Amino acid sequence: MGMRIGSSSAGMASQVSAVSGWQQRQQGVKDLFSQLSAGNLAGSQKAYAAFAASNPIKSDSPMGQLGDALKNGNLAGAEKIAESLQKNRTTSPVSAQANANNQQVASTLSMLRGQGGQIDSLV
């Protein structure tokens, strides 16, 4: 009744990678919104550029519109779009699914951290 370590390790490595990517996207959005709320146009443009460099953004999406506003130096417009994004994030029907996914990712991350030294060898 042995355990297949190889396939289990590959699956955990994939989960660690997915969690890491999700955390990076979350941090990028947090950095962008922080710069916007501070009223820092240059910082907002830099944060958006960093986020957009590693995340595909459709030009007609709200994030694409936010980027256009920043590109044009329209800080007030960008702030308005960001406020709308934040409001929609907490009130949209999709947010319930997103929250469930966030909880699943947090649970997976917690489980992986509980693996102790085994995780360090995967990353």
PDB file of N, CA and C in Angstrom:
ATOM      1  N   MET A   1       0.810  -1.185   0.000  1.00  0.00           N
ATOM      2  CA  MET A   1       0.000   0.000   0.000  1.00  0.00           C
ATOM      3  C   MET A   1       0.853   1.249   0.000  1.00  0.00           C
ATOM      4  N   GLY A   2       1.793   1.297  -0.908  1.00  0.00           N
ATOM      5  CA  GLY A   2       2.673   2.455  -0.998  1.00  0.00           C
ATOM      6  C   GLY A   2       1.987   3.639  -1.655  1.00  0.00           C
ATOM      7  N   MET A   3       2.573   4.812  -1.476  1.00  0.00           N
ATOM      8  CA  MET A   3       2.026   6.026  -2.062  1.00  0.00           C
ATOM      9  C   MET A   3       2.908   6.434  -3.233  1.00  0.00           C
ATOM     10  N   ARG A   4       2.301   6.841  -4.322  1.00  0.00           N
ATOM     11  CA  ARG A   4       3.057   7.277  -5.487  1.00  0.00           C
ATOM     12  C   ARG A   4       3.485   8.718  -5.273  1.00  0.00           C
ATOM     13  N   ILE A   5       4.714   8.901  -4.890  1.00  0.00           N
ATOM     14  CA  ILE A   5       5.236  10.223  -4.572  1.00  0.00           C
ATOM     15  C   ILE A   5       5.368  11.082  -5.825  1.00  0.00           C
ATOM     16  N   GLY A   6       5.840  10.519  -6.914  1.00  0.00           N
ATOM     17  CA  GLY A   6       6.100  11.294  -8.132  1.00  0.00           C
ATOM     18  C   GLY A   6       4.884  12.040  -8.645  1.00  0.00           C
ATOM     19  N   SER A   7       3.770  11.343  -8.829  1.00  0.00           N
ATOM     20  CA  SER A   7       2.582  12.006  -9.368  1.00  0.00           C
ATOM     21  C   SER A   7       2.004  12.987  -8.360  1.00  0.00           C
ATOM     22  N   SER A   8       2.088  12.652  -7.108  1.00  0.00           N
ATOM     23  CA  SER A   8       1.593  13.544  -6.065  1.00  0.00           C
ATOM     24  C   SER A   8       2.440  14.818  -6.012  1.00  0.00           C
ATOM     25  N   SER A   9       3.734  14.684  -6.152  1.00  0.00           N
ATOM     26  CA  SER A   9       4.619  15.843  -6.130  1.00  0.00           C
ATOM     27  C   SER A   9       4.375  16.746  -7.334  1.00  0.00           C
ATOM     28  N   ALA A  10       4.141  16.151  -8.485  1.00  0.00           N
ATOM     29  CA  ALA A  10       3.887  16.944  -9.685  1.00  0.00           C
ATOM     30  C   ALA A  10       2.586  17.725  -9.538  1.00  0.00           C
ATOM     31  N   GLY A  11       1.580  17.093  -8.978  1.00  0.00           N
ATOM     32  CA  GLY A  11       0.306  17.774  -8.755  1.00  0.00           C
ATOM     33  C   GLY A  11       0.450  18.911  -7.773  1.00  0.00           C
ATOM     34  N   MET A  12       1.209  18.693  -6.705  1.00  0.00           N
ATOM     35  CA  MET A  12       1.412  19.753  -5.715  1.00  0.00           C
ATOM     36  C   MET A  12       2.222  20.890  -6.314  1.00  0.00           C
ATOM     37  N   ALA A  13       3.204  20.577  -7.150  1.00  0.00           N
ATOM     38  CA  ALA A  13       3.996  21.623  -7.792  1.00  0.00           C
ATOM     39  C   ALA A  13       3.121  22.479  -8.697  1.00  0.00           C
ATOM     40  N   SER A  14       2.186  21.846  -9.389  1.00  0.00           N
ATOM     41  CA  SER A  14       1.260  22.576 -10.249  1.00  0.00           C
ATOM     42  C   SER A  14       0.371  23.496  -9.417  1.00  0.00           C
ATOM     43  N   GLN A  15      -0.096  23.008  -8.270  1.00  0.00           N
ATOM     44  CA  GLN A  15      -0.929  23.827  -7.388  1.00  0.00           C
ATOM     45  C   GLN A  15      -0.135  24.997  -6.824  1.00  0.00           C
ATOM     46  N   VAL A  16       1.104  24.753  -6.460  1.00  0.00           N
ATOM     47  CA  VAL A  16       1.957  25.817  -5.929  1.00  0.00           C
ATOM     48  C   VAL A  16       2.151  26.890  -6.991  1.00  0.00           C
ATOM     49  N   SER A  17       2.363  26.469  -8.238  1.00  0.00           N
ATOM     50  CA  SER A  17       2.545  27.412  -9.332  1.00  0.00           C
ATOM     51  C   SER A  17       1.287  28.243  -9.558  1.00  0.00           C
ATOM     52  N   ALA A  18       0.126  27.599  -9.526  1.00  0.00           N
ATOM     53  CA  ALA A  18      -1.142  28.318  -9.717  1.00  0.00           C
ATOM     54  C   ALA A  18      -1.373  29.314  -8.594  1.00  0.00           C
ATOM     55  N   VAL A  19      -1.096  28.921  -7.379  1.00  0.00           N
ATOM     56  CA  VAL A  19      -1.263  29.808  -6.228  1.00  0.00           C
ATOM     57  C   VAL A  19      -0.315  30.984  -6.336  1.00  0.00           C
ATOM     58  N   SER A  20       0.906  30.724  -6.742  1.00  0.00           N
ATOM     59  CA  SER A  20       1.898  31.787  -6.886  1.00  0.00           C
ATOM     60  C   SER A  20       1.466  32.802  -7.939  1.00  0.00           C
ATOM     61  N   GLY A  21       0.964  32.330  -9.073  1.00  0.00           N
ATOM     62  CA  GLY A  21       0.489  33.222 -10.130  1.00  0.00           C
ATOM     63  C   GLY A  21      -0.685  34.059  -9.660  1.00  0.00           C
ATOM     64  N   TRP A  22      -1.603  33.436  -8.928  1.00  0.00           N
ATOM     65  CA  TRP A  22      -2.755  34.143  -8.399  1.00  0.00           C
ATOM     66  C   TRP A  22      -2.310  35.220  -7.413  1.00  0.00           C
ATOM     67  N   GLN A  23      -1.370  34.876  -6.546  1.00  0.00           N
ATOM     68  CA  GLN A  23      -0.873  35.842  -5.566  1.00  0.00           C
ATOM     69  C   GLN A  23      -0.187  37.022  -6.256  1.00  0.00           C
ATOM     70  N   GLN A  24       0.557  36.758  -7.325  1.00  0.00           N
ATOM     71  CA  GLN A  24       1.223  37.837  -8.053  1.00  0.00           C
ATOM     72  C   GLN A  24       0.211  38.769  -8.708  1.00  0.00           C
ATOM     73  N   ARG A  25      -0.857  38.203  -9.284  1.00  0.00           N
ATOM     74  CA  ARG A  25      -1.903  39.042  -9.882  1.00  0.00           C
ATOM     75  C   ARG A  25      -2.595  39.880  -8.809  1.00  0.00           C
ATOM     76  N   GLN A  26      -2.903  39.265  -7.681  1.00  0.00           N
ATOM     77  CA  GLN A  26      -3.549  39.984  -6.586  1.00  0.00           C
ATOM     78  C   GLN A  26      -2.660  41.135  -6.107  1.00  0.00           C
ATOM     79  N   GLN A  27      -1.369  40.883  -5.977  1.00  0.00           N
ATOM     80  CA  GLN A  27      -0.440  41.921  -5.522  1.00  0.00           C
ATOM     81  C   GLN A  27      -0.340  43.033  -6.556  1.00  0.00           C
ATOM     82  N   GLY A  28      -0.337  42.687  -7.833  1.00  0.00           N
ATOM     83  CA  GLY A  28      -0.278  43.696  -8.888  1.00  0.00           C
ATOM     84  C   GLY A  28      -1.479  44.618  -8.859  1.00  0.00           C
ATOM     85  N   VAL A  29      -2.667  44.043  -8.678  1.00  0.00           N
ATOM     86  CA  VAL A  29      -3.885  44.855  -8.596  1.00  0.00           C
ATOM     87  C   VAL A  29      -3.857  45.707  -7.332  1.00  0.00           C
ATOM     88  N   LYS A  30      -3.406  45.124  -6.245  1.00  0.00           N
ATOM     89  CA  LYS A  30      -3.315  45.870  -4.981  1.00  0.00           C
ATOM     90  C   LYS A  30      -2.368  47.061  -5.134  1.00  0.00           C
ATOM     91  N   ASP A  31      -1.226  46.845  -5.758  1.00  0.00           N
ATOM     92  CA  ASP A  31      -0.260  47.927  -5.979  1.00  0.00           C
ATOM     93  C   ASP A  31      -0.866  49.029  -6.848  1.00  0.00           C
ATOM     94  N   LEU A  32      -1.562  48.630  -7.915  1.00  0.00           N
ATOM     95  CA  LEU A  32      -2.189  49.596  -8.813  1.00  0.00           C
ATOM     96  C   LEU A  32      -3.236  50.421  -8.078  1.00  0.00           C
ATOM     97  N   PHE A  33      -4.120  49.757  -7.357  1.00  0.00           N
ATOM     98  CA  PHE A  33      -5.178  50.472  -6.649  1.00  0.00           C
ATOM     99  C   PHE A  33      -4.612  51.349  -5.537  1.00  0.00           C
ATOM    100  N   SER A  34      -3.531  50.933  -4.939  1.00  0.00           N
ATOM    101  CA  SER A  34      -2.887  51.743  -3.905  1.00  0.00           C
ATOM    102  C   SER A  34      -2.354  53.046  -4.504  1.00  0.00           C
ATOM    103  N   GLN A  35      -1.722  52.943  -5.662  1.00  0.00           N
ATOM    104  CA  GLN A  35      -1.195  54.134  -6.331  1.00  0.00           C
ATOM    105  C   GLN A  35      -2.326  55.056  -6.786  1.00  0.00           C
ATOM    106  N   LEU A  36      -3.409  54.452  -7.277  1.00  0.00           N
ATOM    107  CA  LEU A  36      -4.556  55.247  -7.701  1.00  0.00           C
ATOM    108  C   LEU A  36      -5.176  55.990  -6.522  1.00  0.00           C
ATOM    109  N   SER A  37      -5.357  55.285  -5.406  1.00  0.00           N
ATOM    110  CA  SER A  37      -5.994  55.925  -4.253  1.00  0.00           C
ATOM    111  C   SER A  37      -5.102  57.004  -3.655  1.00  0.00           C
ATOM    112  N   ALA A  38      -3.808  56.915  -3.876  1.00  0.00           N
ATOM    113  CA  ALA A  38      -2.879  57.945  -3.400  1.00  0.00           C
ATOM    114  C   ALA A  38      -2.846  59.143  -4.360  1.00  0.00           C
ATOM    115  N   GLY A  39      -3.487  59.002  -5.532  1.00  0.00           N
ATOM    116  CA  GLY A  39      -3.490  60.083  -6.511  1.00  0.00           C
ATOM    117  C   GLY A  39      -2.173  60.242  -7.239  1.00  0.00           C
ATOM    118  N   ASN A  40      -1.413  59.176  -7.325  1.00  0.00           N
ATOM    119  CA  ASN A  40      -0.091  59.190  -7.938  1.00  0.00           C
ATOM    120  C   ASN A  40      -0.183  58.697  -9.387  1.00  0.00           C
ATOM    121  N   LEU A  41      -0.240  59.630 -10.329  1.00  0.00           N
ATOM    122  CA  LEU A  41      -0.385  59.260 -11.742  1.00  0.00           C
ATOM    123  C   LEU A  41       0.812  58.442 -12.234  1.00  0.00           C
ATOM    124  N   ALA A  42       2.010  58.924 -11.995  1.00  0.00           N
ATOM    125  CA  ALA A  42       3.206  58.211 -12.475  1.00  0.00           C
ATOM    126  C   ALA A  42       3.306  56.824 -11.839  1.00  0.00           C
ATOM    127  N   GLY A  43       3.040  56.743 -10.551  1.00  0.00           N
ATOM    128  CA  GLY A  43       3.078  55.448  -9.861  1.00  0.00           C
ATOM    129  C   GLY A  43       2.000  54.510 -10.372  1.00  0.00           C
ATOM    130  N   SER A  44       0.813  55.068 -10.669  1.00  0.00           N
ATOM    131  CA  SER A  44      -0.291  54.263 -11.209  1.00  0.00           C
ATOM    132  C   SER A  44       0.062  53.731 -12.590  1.00  0.00           C
ATOM    133  N   GLN A  45       0.675  54.584 -13.407  1.00  0.00           N
ATOM    134  CA  GLN A  45       1.073  54.161 -14.749  1.00  0.00           C
ATOM    135  C   GLN A  45       2.116  53.054 -14.673  1.00  0.00           C
ATOM    136  N   LYS A  46       3.046  53.200 -13.764  1.00  0.00           N
ATOM    137  CA  LYS A  46       4.101  52.195 -13.601  1.00  0.00           C
ATOM    138  C   LYS A  46       3.511  50.871 -13.093  1.00  0.00           C
ATOM    139  N   ALA A  47       2.611  50.953 -12.106  1.00  0.00           N
ATOM    140  CA  ALA A  47       1.984  49.748 -11.558  1.00  0.00           C
ATOM    141  C   ALA A  47       1.129  49.052 -12.616  1.00  0.00           C
ATOM    142  N   TYR A  48       0.411  49.837 -13.426  1.00  0.00           N
ATOM    143  CA  TYR A  48      -0.410  49.253 -14.486  1.00  0.00           C
ATOM    144  C   TYR A  48       0.482  48.567 -15.519  1.00  0.00           C
ATOM    145  N   ALA A  49       1.554  49.226 -15.907  1.00  0.00           N
ATOM    146  CA  ALA A  49       2.464  48.644 -16.897  1.00  0.00           C
ATOM    147  C   ALA A  49       3.047  47.325 -16.391  1.00  0.00           C
ATOM    148  N   ALA A  50       3.411  47.279 -15.114  1.00  0.00           N
ATOM    149  CA  ALA A  50       3.956  46.048 -14.534  1.00  0.00           C
ATOM    150  C   ALA A  50       2.899  44.947 -14.529  1.00  0.00           C
ATOM    151  N   PHE A  51       1.668  45.298 -14.171  1.00  0.00           N
ATOM    152  CA  PHE A  51       0.583  44.313 -14.153  1.00  0.00           C
ATOM    153  C   PHE A  51       0.293  43.819 -15.565  1.00  0.00           C
ATOM    154  N   ALA A  52       0.190  44.742 -16.514  1.00  0.00           N
ATOM    155  CA  ALA A  52      -0.146  44.394 -17.894  1.00  0.00           C
ATOM    156  C   ALA A  52       0.947  43.557 -18.557  1.00  0.00           C
ATOM    157  N   ALA A  53       2.186  43.725 -18.116  1.00  0.00           N
ATOM    158  CA  ALA A  53       3.298  42.973 -18.712  1.00  0.00           C
ATOM    159  C   ALA A  53       3.173  41.476 -18.469  1.00  0.00           C
ATOM    160  N   SER A  54       2.525  41.086 -17.375  1.00  0.00           N
ATOM    161  CA  SER A  54       2.429  39.658 -17.060  1.00  0.00           C
ATOM    162  C   SER A  54       1.000  39.135 -17.063  1.00  0.00           C
ATOM    163  N   ASN A  55       0.049  39.977 -17.454  1.00  0.00           N
ATOM    164  CA  ASN A  55      -1.347  39.557 -17.484  1.00  0.00           C
ATOM    165  C   ASN A  55      -2.005  40.067 -18.764  1.00  0.00           C
ATOM    166  N   PRO A  56      -2.596  39.170 -19.532  1.00  0.00           N
ATOM    167  CA  PRO A  56      -3.272  39.616 -20.752  1.00  0.00           C
ATOM    168  C   PRO A  56      -4.495  40.462 -20.393  1.00  0.00           C
ATOM    169  N   ILE A  57      -4.608  41.625 -21.015  1.00  0.00           N
ATOM    170  CA  ILE A  57      -5.727  42.528 -20.741  1.00  0.00           C
ATOM    171  C   ILE A  57      -6.364  42.905 -22.070  1.00  0.00           C
ATOM    172  N   LYS A  58      -7.668  42.672 -22.183  1.00  0.00           N
ATOM    173  CA  LYS A  58      -8.402  43.054 -23.392  1.00  0.00           C
ATOM    174  C   LYS A  58      -8.622  44.560 -23.355  1.00  0.00           C
ATOM    175  N   SER A  59      -8.423  45.219 -24.475  1.00  0.00           N
ATOM    176  CA  SER A  59      -8.528  46.672 -24.515  1.00  0.00           C
ATOM    177  C   SER A  59      -9.932  47.172 -24.189  1.00  0.00           C
ATOM    178  N   ASP A  60     -10.959  46.359 -24.473  1.00  0.00           N
ATOM    179  CA  ASP A  60     -12.325  46.795 -24.192  1.00  0.00           C
ATOM    180  C   ASP A  60     -12.824  46.374 -22.810  1.00  0.00           C
ATOM    181  N   SER A  61     -11.965  45.744 -22.019  1.00  0.00           N
ATOM    182  CA  SER A  61     -12.335  45.361 -20.653  1.00  0.00           C
ATOM    183  C   SER A  61     -12.177  46.563 -19.727  1.00  0.00           C
ATOM    184  N   PRO A  62     -12.767  46.509 -18.537  1.00  0.00           N
ATOM    185  CA  PRO A  62     -12.570  47.615 -17.588  1.00  0.00           C
ATOM    186  C   PRO A  62     -11.089  47.870 -17.272  1.00  0.00           C
ATOM    187  N   MET A  63     -10.294  46.811 -17.153  1.00  0.00           N
ATOM    188  CA  MET A  63      -8.864  47.018 -16.892  1.00  0.00           C
ATOM    189  C   MET A  63      -8.196  47.664 -18.104  1.00  0.00           C
ATOM    190  N   GLY A  64      -8.629  47.308 -19.292  1.00  0.00           N
ATOM    191  CA  GLY A  64      -8.101  47.939 -20.503  1.00  0.00           C
ATOM    192  C   GLY A  64      -8.472  49.416 -20.556  1.00  0.00           C
ATOM    193  N   GLN A  65      -9.697  49.729 -20.173  1.00  0.00           N
ATOM    194  CA  GLN A  65     -10.145  51.119 -20.130  1.00  0.00           C
ATOM    195  C   GLN A  65      -9.379  51.903 -19.068  1.00  0.00           C
ATOM    196  N   LEU A  66      -9.115  51.243 -17.939  1.00  0.00           N
ATOM    197  CA  LEU A  66      -8.325  51.889 -16.890  1.00  0.00           C
ATOM    198  C   LEU A  66      -6.930  52.220 -17.426  1.00  0.00           C
ATOM    199  N   GLY A  67      -6.340  51.280 -18.149  1.00  0.00           N
ATOM    200  CA  GLY A  67      -5.023  51.503 -18.744  1.00  0.00           C
ATOM    201  C   GLY A  67      -5.033  52.643 -19.742  1.00  0.00           C
ATOM    202  N   ASP A  68      -6.098  52.717 -20.555  1.00  0.00           N
ATOM    203  CA  ASP A  68      -6.217  53.821 -21.513  1.00  0.00           C
ATOM    204  C   ASP A  68      -6.299  55.166 -20.797  1.00  0.00           C
ATOM    205  N   ALA A  69      -7.085  55.205 -19.716  1.00  0.00           N
ATOM    206  CA  ALA A  69      -7.207  56.451 -18.951  1.00  0.00           C
ATOM    207  C   ALA A  69      -5.845  56.866 -18.398  1.00  0.00           C
ATOM    208  N   LEU A  70      -5.098  55.913 -17.876  1.00  0.00           N
ATOM    209  CA  LEU A  70      -3.772  56.229 -17.340  1.00  0.00           C
ATOM    210  C   LEU A  70      -2.826  56.674 -18.447  1.00  0.00           C
ATOM    211  N   LYS A  71      -2.897  55.996 -19.578  1.00  0.00           N
ATOM    212  CA  LYS A  71      -2.030  56.347 -20.713  1.00  0.00           C
ATOM    213  C   LYS A  71      -2.277  57.786 -21.150  1.00  0.00           C
ATOM    214  N   ASN A  72      -3.542  58.211 -21.084  1.00  0.00           N
ATOM    215  CA  ASN A  72      -3.917  59.563 -21.475  1.00  0.00           C
ATOM    216  C   ASN A  72      -3.767  60.581 -20.344  1.00  0.00           C
ATOM    217  N   GLY A  73      -3.251  60.145 -19.199  1.00  0.00           N
ATOM    218  CA  GLY A  73      -3.048  61.058 -18.072  1.00  0.00           C
ATOM    219  C   GLY A  73      -4.324  61.421 -17.344  1.00  0.00           C
ATOM    220  N   ASN A  74      -5.382  60.639 -17.534  1.00  0.00           N
ATOM    221  CA  ASN A  74      -6.677  60.912 -16.917  1.00  0.00           C
ATOM    222  C   ASN A  74      -6.779  60.151 -15.594  1.00  0.00           C
ATOM    223  N   LEU A  75      -6.162  60.705 -14.562  1.00  0.00           N
ATOM    224  CA  LEU A  75      -6.151  60.055 -13.252  1.00  0.00           C
ATOM    225  C   LEU A  75      -7.560  59.949 -12.678  1.00  0.00           C
ATOM    226  N   ALA A  76      -8.359  61.003 -12.797  1.00  0.00           N
ATOM    227  CA  ALA A  76      -9.729  60.977 -12.261  1.00  0.00           C
ATOM    228  C   ALA A  76     -10.558  59.885 -12.932  1.00  0.00           C
ATOM    229  N   GLY A  77     -10.419  59.738 -14.248  1.00  0.00           N
ATOM    230  CA  GLY A  77     -11.136  58.685 -14.966  1.00  0.00           C
ATOM    231  C   GLY A  77     -10.683  57.303 -14.540  1.00  0.00           C
ATOM    232  N   ALA A  78      -9.380  57.144 -14.367  1.00  0.00           N
ATOM    233  CA  ALA A  78      -8.831  55.857 -13.929  1.00  0.00           C
ATOM    234  C   ALA A  78      -9.327  55.513 -12.532  1.00  0.00           C
ATOM    235  N   GLU A  79      -9.368  56.523 -11.651  1.00  0.00           N
ATOM    236  CA  GLU A  79      -9.852  56.288 -10.286  1.00  0.00           C
ATOM    237  C   GLU A  79     -11.314  55.855 -10.303  1.00  0.00           C
ATOM    238  N   LYS A  80     -12.112  56.465 -11.174  1.00  0.00           N
ATOM    239  CA  LYS A  80     -13.532  56.133 -11.270  1.00  0.00           C
ATOM    240  C   LYS A  80     -13.705  54.687 -11.751  1.00  0.00           C
ATOM    241  N   ILE A  81     -12.928  54.294 -12.736  1.00  0.00           N
ATOM    242  CA  ILE A  81     -12.993  52.922 -13.248  1.00  0.00           C
ATOM    243  C   ILE A  81     -12.560  51.945 -12.150  1.00  0.00           C
ATOM    244  N   ALA A  82     -11.495  52.275 -11.419  1.00  0.00           N
ATOM    245  CA  ALA A  82     -11.015  51.410 -10.342  1.00  0.00           C
ATOM    246  C   ALA A  82     -12.076  51.257  -9.256  1.00  0.00           C
ATOM    247  N   GLU A  83     -12.753  52.358  -8.911  1.00  0.00           N
ATOM    248  CA  GLU A  83     -13.822  52.282  -7.913  1.00  0.00           C
ATOM    249  C   GLU A  83     -14.932  51.358  -8.393  1.00  0.00           C
ATOM    250  N   SER A  84     -15.270  51.462  -9.669  1.00  0.00           N
ATOM    251  CA  SER A  84     -16.303  50.607 -10.243  1.00  0.00           C
ATOM    252  C   SER A  84     -15.871  49.140 -10.207  1.00  0.00           C
ATOM    253  N   LEU A  85     -14.611  48.889 -10.528  1.00  0.00           N
ATOM    254  CA  LEU A  85     -14.085  47.520 -10.479  1.00  0.00           C
ATOM    255  C   LEU A  85     -14.175  46.955  -9.065  1.00  0.00           C
ATOM    256  N   GLN A  86     -13.796  47.749  -8.088  1.00  0.00           N
ATOM    257  CA  GLN A  86     -13.840  47.288  -6.706  1.00  0.00           C
ATOM    258  C   GLN A  86     -15.275  47.043  -6.256  1.00  0.00           C
ATOM    259  N   LYS A  87     -16.180  47.919  -6.641  1.00  0.00           N
ATOM    260  CA  LYS A  87     -17.588  47.760  -6.272  1.00  0.00           C
ATOM    261  C   LYS A  87     -18.155  46.501  -6.915  1.00  0.00           C
ATOM    262  N   ASN A  88     -17.895  46.312  -8.200  1.00  0.00           N
ATOM    263  CA  ASN A  88     -18.398  45.135  -8.908  1.00  0.00           C
ATOM    264  C   ASN A  88     -17.805  43.850  -8.363  1.00  0.00           C
ATOM    265  N   ARG A  89     -16.603  43.921  -7.888  1.00  0.00           N
ATOM    266  CA  ARG A  89     -15.929  42.735  -7.355  1.00  0.00           C
ATOM    267  C   ARG A  89     -16.644  42.206  -6.127  1.00  0.00           C
ATOM    268  N   THR A  90     -17.198  43.107  -5.343  1.00  0.00           N
ATOM    269  CA  THR A  90     -17.838  42.673  -4.101  1.00  0.00           C
ATOM    270  C   THR A  90     -19.336  42.448  -4.243  1.00  0.00           C
ATOM    271  N   THR A  91     -19.952  42.919  -5.346  1.00  0.00           N
ATOM    272  CA  THR A  91     -21.396  42.800  -5.464  1.00  0.00           C
ATOM    273  C   THR A  91     -21.866  41.951  -6.638  1.00  0.00           C
ATOM    274  N   SER A  92     -21.007  41.588  -7.543  1.00  0.00           N
ATOM    275  CA  SER A  92     -21.451  40.850  -8.728  1.00  0.00           C
ATOM    276  C   SER A  92     -21.735  39.388  -8.384  1.00  0.00           C
ATOM    277  N   PRO A  93     -22.601  38.739  -9.185  1.00  0.00           N
ATOM    278  CA  PRO A  93     -22.871  37.319  -8.951  1.00  0.00           C
ATOM    279  C   PRO A  93     -21.606  36.471  -9.098  1.00  0.00           C
ATOM    280  N   VAL A  94     -20.685  36.945  -9.913  1.00  0.00           N
ATOM    281  CA  VAL A  94     -19.440  36.205 -10.112  1.00  0.00           C
ATOM    282  C   VAL A  94     -18.591  36.238  -8.845  1.00  0.00           C
ATOM    283  N   SER A  95     -18.790  37.258  -8.014  1.00  0.00           N
ATOM    284  CA  SER A  95     -17.952  37.388  -6.820  1.00  0.00           C
ATOM    285  C   SER A  95     -18.135  36.218  -5.867  1.00  0.00           C
ATOM    286  N   ALA A  96     -19.344  35.649  -5.825  1.00  0.00           N
ATOM    287  CA  ALA A  96     -19.550  34.490  -4.959  1.00  0.00           C
ATOM    288  C   ALA A  96     -18.657  33.342  -5.400  1.00  0.00           C
ATOM    289  N   GLN A  97     -18.586  33.120  -6.728  1.00  0.00           N
ATOM    290  CA  GLN A  97     -17.709  32.069  -7.242  1.00  0.00           C
ATOM    291  C   GLN A  97     -16.247  32.430  -7.010  1.00  0.00           C
ATOM    292  N   ALA A  98     -15.911  33.701  -7.222  1.00  0.00           N
ATOM    293  CA  ALA A  98     -14.527  34.135  -6.996  1.00  0.00           C
ATOM    294  C   ALA A  98     -14.142  33.942  -5.540  1.00  0.00           C
ATOM    295  N   ASN A  99     -15.049  34.284  -4.630  1.00  0.00           N
ATOM    296  CA  ASN A  99     -14.763  34.099  -3.208  1.00  0.00           C
ATOM    297  C   ASN A  99     -14.577  32.625  -2.881  1.00  0.00           C
ATOM    298  N   ALA A 100     -15.399  31.764  -3.482  1.00  0.00           N
ATOM    299  CA  ALA A 100     -15.238  30.328  -3.264  1.00  0.00           C
ATOM    300  C   ALA A 100     -13.890  29.863  -3.795  1.00  0.00           C
ATOM    301  N   ASN A 101     -13.505  30.369  -4.979  1.00  0.00           N
ATOM    302  CA  ASN A 101     -12.199  30.015  -5.542  1.00  0.00           C
ATOM    303  C   ASN A 101     -11.068  30.518  -4.656  1.00  0.00           C
ATOM    304  N   ASN A 102     -11.205  31.743  -4.138  1.00  0.00           N
ATOM    305  CA  ASN A 102     -10.184  32.295  -3.252  1.00  0.00           C
ATOM    306  C   ASN A 102     -10.031  31.437  -2.003  1.00  0.00           C
ATOM    307  N   GLN A 103     -11.166  30.970  -1.462  1.00  0.00           N
ATOM    308  CA  GLN A 103     -11.108  30.118  -0.280  1.00  0.00           C
ATOM    309  C   GLN A 103     -10.442  28.785  -0.604  1.00  0.00           C
ATOM    310  N   GLN A 104     -10.725  28.265  -1.798  1.00  0.00           N
ATOM    311  CA  GLN A 104     -10.104  27.002  -2.202  1.00  0.00           C
ATOM    312  C   GLN A 104      -8.597  27.175  -2.358  1.00  0.00           C
ATOM    313  N   VAL A 105      -8.179  28.273  -2.963  1.00  0.00           N
ATOM    314  CA  VAL A 105      -6.750  28.541  -3.127  1.00  0.00           C
ATOM    315  C   VAL A 105      -6.100  28.691  -1.756  1.00  0.00           C
ATOM    316  N   ALA A 106      -6.758  29.431  -0.849  1.00  0.00           N
ATOM    317  CA  ALA A 106      -6.207  29.610   0.496  1.00  0.00           C
ATOM    318  C   ALA A 106      -6.112  28.277   1.217  1.00  0.00           C
ATOM    319  N   SER A 107      -7.114  27.437   1.044  1.00  0.00           N
ATOM    320  CA  SER A 107      -7.108  26.125   1.674  1.00  0.00           C
ATOM    321  C   SER A 107      -5.982  25.261   1.114  1.00  0.00           C
ATOM    322  N   THR A 108      -5.820  25.308  -0.214  1.00  0.00           N
ATOM    323  CA  THR A 108      -4.744  24.540  -0.851  1.00  0.00           C
ATOM    324  C   THR A 108      -3.388  25.034  -0.377  1.00  0.00           C
ATOM    325  N   LEU A 109      -3.229  26.355  -0.314  1.00  0.00           N
ATOM    326  CA  LEU A 109      -1.978  26.925   0.150  1.00  0.00           C
ATOM    327  C   LEU A 109      -1.694  26.510   1.588  1.00  0.00           C
ATOM    328  N   SER A 110      -2.713  26.538   2.423  1.00  0.00           N
ATOM    329  CA  SER A 110      -2.557  26.128   3.815  1.00  0.00           C
ATOM    330  C   SER A 110      -2.139  24.661   3.904  1.00  0.00           C
ATOM    331  N   MET A 111      -2.780  23.827   3.082  1.00  0.00           N
ATOM    332  CA  MET A 111      -2.437  22.411   3.071  1.00  0.00           C
ATOM    333  C   MET A 111      -0.990  22.210   2.631  1.00  0.00           C
ATOM    334  N   LEU A 112      -0.600  22.961   1.603  1.00  0.00           N
ATOM    335  CA  LEU A 112       0.757  22.820   1.093  1.00  0.00           C
ATOM    336  C   LEU A 112       1.780  23.281   2.121  1.00  0.00           C
ATOM    337  N   ARG A 113       1.461  24.353   2.820  1.00  0.00           N
ATOM    338  CA  ARG A 113       2.373  24.820   3.866  1.00  0.00           C
ATOM    339  C   ARG A 113       2.503  23.792   4.978  1.00  0.00           C
ATOM    340  N   GLY A 114       1.439  23.044   5.216  1.00  0.00           N
ATOM    341  CA  GLY A 114       1.451  22.003   6.229  1.00  0.00           C
ATOM    342  C   GLY A 114       2.342  20.825   5.868  1.00  0.00           C
ATOM    343  N   GLN A 115       2.753  20.771   4.590  1.00  0.00           N
ATOM    344  CA  GLN A 115       3.614  19.684   4.145  1.00  0.00           C
ATOM    345  C   GLN A 115       5.058  19.889   4.595  1.00  0.00           C
ATOM    346  N   GLY A 116       5.327  21.030   5.182  1.00  0.00           N
ATOM    347  CA  GLY A 116       6.655  21.303   5.737  1.00  0.00           C
ATOM    348  C   GLY A 116       7.753  21.275   4.702  1.00  0.00           C
ATOM    349  N   GLY A 117       8.797  20.549   4.991  1.00  0.00           N
ATOM    350  CA  GLY A 117       9.985  20.494   4.138  1.00  0.00           C
ATOM    351  C   GLY A 117       9.714  19.956   2.750  1.00  0.00           C
ATOM    352  N   GLN A 118       8.670  19.172   2.587  1.00  0.00           N
ATOM    353  CA  GLN A 118       8.372  18.600   1.274  1.00  0.00           C
ATOM    354  C   GLN A 118       8.099  19.697   0.262  1.00  0.00           C
ATOM    355  N   ILE A 119       7.454  20.756   0.658  1.00  0.00           N
ATOM    356  CA  ILE A 119       7.110  21.841  -0.256  1.00  0.00           C
ATOM    357  C   ILE A 119       8.359  22.566  -0.745  1.00  0.00           C
ATOM    358  N   ASP A 120       9.298  22.788   0.160  1.00  0.00           N
ATOM    359  CA  ASP A 120      10.507  23.521  -0.209  1.00  0.00           C
ATOM    360  C   ASP A 120      11.242  22.852  -1.363  1.00  0.00           C
ATOM    361  N   SER A 121      11.182  21.540  -1.436  1.00  0.00           N
ATOM    362  CA  SER A 121      11.896  20.845  -2.503  1.00  0.00           C
ATOM    363  C   SER A 121      11.151  20.936  -3.838  1.00  0.00           C
ATOM    364  N   LEU A 122       9.874  21.352  -3.808  1.00  0.00           N
ATOM    365  CA  LEU A 122       9.091  21.465  -5.033  1.00  0.00           C
ATOM    366  C   LEU A 122       9.245  22.812  -5.702  1.00  0.00           C
ATOM    367  N   VAL A 123       9.553  23.814  -4.949  1.00  0.00           N
ATOM    368  CA  VAL A 123       9.570  25.178  -5.477  1.00  0.00           C
ATOM    369  C   VAL A 123      10.952  25.564  -5.915  1.00  0.00           C
TER     370      VAL A 123
END
